[in-house]
Amino acid sequence: MKETMSDLSASSQPVDYSEDAQSEGGMWIALRKAAARLREWFVIQSTAAKLMVVAVALLISAWPAWPW
């Protein structure tokens, strides 16, 4: 079952987006925020969209190993 945007905020843990939090952890806070946003984006997407994103990521990473 797909979750709506209003369901996401109720079920997921809140992420602190304040500037005070940025000054404390710097890179780790930015990485955690990016991961939280990515997780929320994936929850909203359909299964087909998720599979296409994963396939593209795998194909891009495998491209340098492709024998010419």
Protein backbone atom coordinates (compact mmCIF):
# COMPACT_ATOMS: atom_id res chain seq x y z
CA MET A 1 0.00 0.00 0.00
CA LYS A 2 1.35 3.43 -0.94
CA GLU A 3 1.69 5.94 1.83
CA THR A 4 0.56 9.49 1.35
CA MET A 5 2.72 12.45 2.27
CA SER A 6 0.68 13.08 5.44
CA ASP A 7 1.29 9.47 6.56
CA LEU A 8 5.05 9.80 6.15
CA SER A 9 5.49 12.53 8.74
CA ALA A 10 3.48 10.56 11.29
CA SER A 11 5.34 7.28 10.80
CA SER A 12 8.94 8.39 10.23
CA GLN A 13 11.33 9.77 12.80
CA PRO A 14 11.78 13.54 12.61
CA VAL A 15 15.06 14.85 11.25
CA ASP A 16 16.47 18.04 12.77
CA TYR A 17 16.95 20.54 9.94
CA SER A 18 17.94 23.49 12.14
CA GLU A 19 21.16 25.41 11.55
CA ASP A 20 22.34 24.64 15.10
CA ALA A 21 22.46 20.94 14.19
CA GLN A 22 24.53 21.71 11.09
CA SER A 23 27.27 23.42 13.05
CA GLU A 24 27.60 20.48 15.46
CA GLY A 25 28.16 17.60 13.05
CA GLY A 26 28.84 19.19 9.69
CA MET A 27 29.33 16.44 7.15
CA TRP A 28 27.63 13.69 9.20
CA ILE A 29 24.49 15.76 9.70
CA ALA A 30 24.35 16.58 5.98
CA LEU A 31 24.82 12.90 5.14
CA ARG A 32 22.07 11.85 7.56
CA LYS A 33 19.67 14.46 6.14
CA ALA A 34 20.38 13.33 2.58
CA ALA A 35 19.81 9.68 3.53
CA ALA A 36 16.54 10.57 5.29
CA ARG A 37 15.31 12.48 2.24
CA LEU A 38 16.27 9.59 -0.05
CA ARG A 39 14.43 7.09 2.16
CA GLU A 40 11.31 9.28 2.17
CA TRP A 41 11.48 9.66 -1.60
CA PHE A 42 11.75 5.89 -2.09
CA VAL A 43 8.73 5.26 0.15
CA ILE A 44 6.58 7.45 -2.07
CA GLN A 45 7.69 5.89 -5.38
CA SER A 46 6.08 2.92 -7.08
CA THR A 47 7.88 -0.41 -7.24
CA ALA A 48 8.58 0.05 -10.96
CA ALA A 49 10.22 3.43 -10.32
CA LYS A 50 12.32 1.97 -7.51
CA LEU A 51 13.50 -0.90 -9.74
CA MET A 52 14.36 1.49 -12.57
CA VAL A 53 16.44 3.72 -10.27
CA VAL A 54 18.33 0.71 -8.91
CA ALA A 55 18.90 -0.67 -12.43
CA VAL A 56 20.23 2.66 -13.68
CA ALA A 57 22.55 2.95 -10.67
CA LEU A 58 23.89 -0.56 -11.31
CA LEU A 59 24.36 0.06 -15.03
CA ILE A 60 26.18 3.34 -14.44
CA SER A 61 28.51 1.74 -11.92
CA ALA A 62 29.17 -1.24 -14.22
CA TRP A 63 29.88 0.91 -17.30
CA PRO A 64 33.67 1.32 -16.71
CA ALA A 65 34.07 -2.46 -16.47
CA TRP A 66 32.38 -3.02 -19.84
CA PRO A 67 34.93 -4.64 -22.20
CA TRP A 68 35.58 -2.64 -25.35
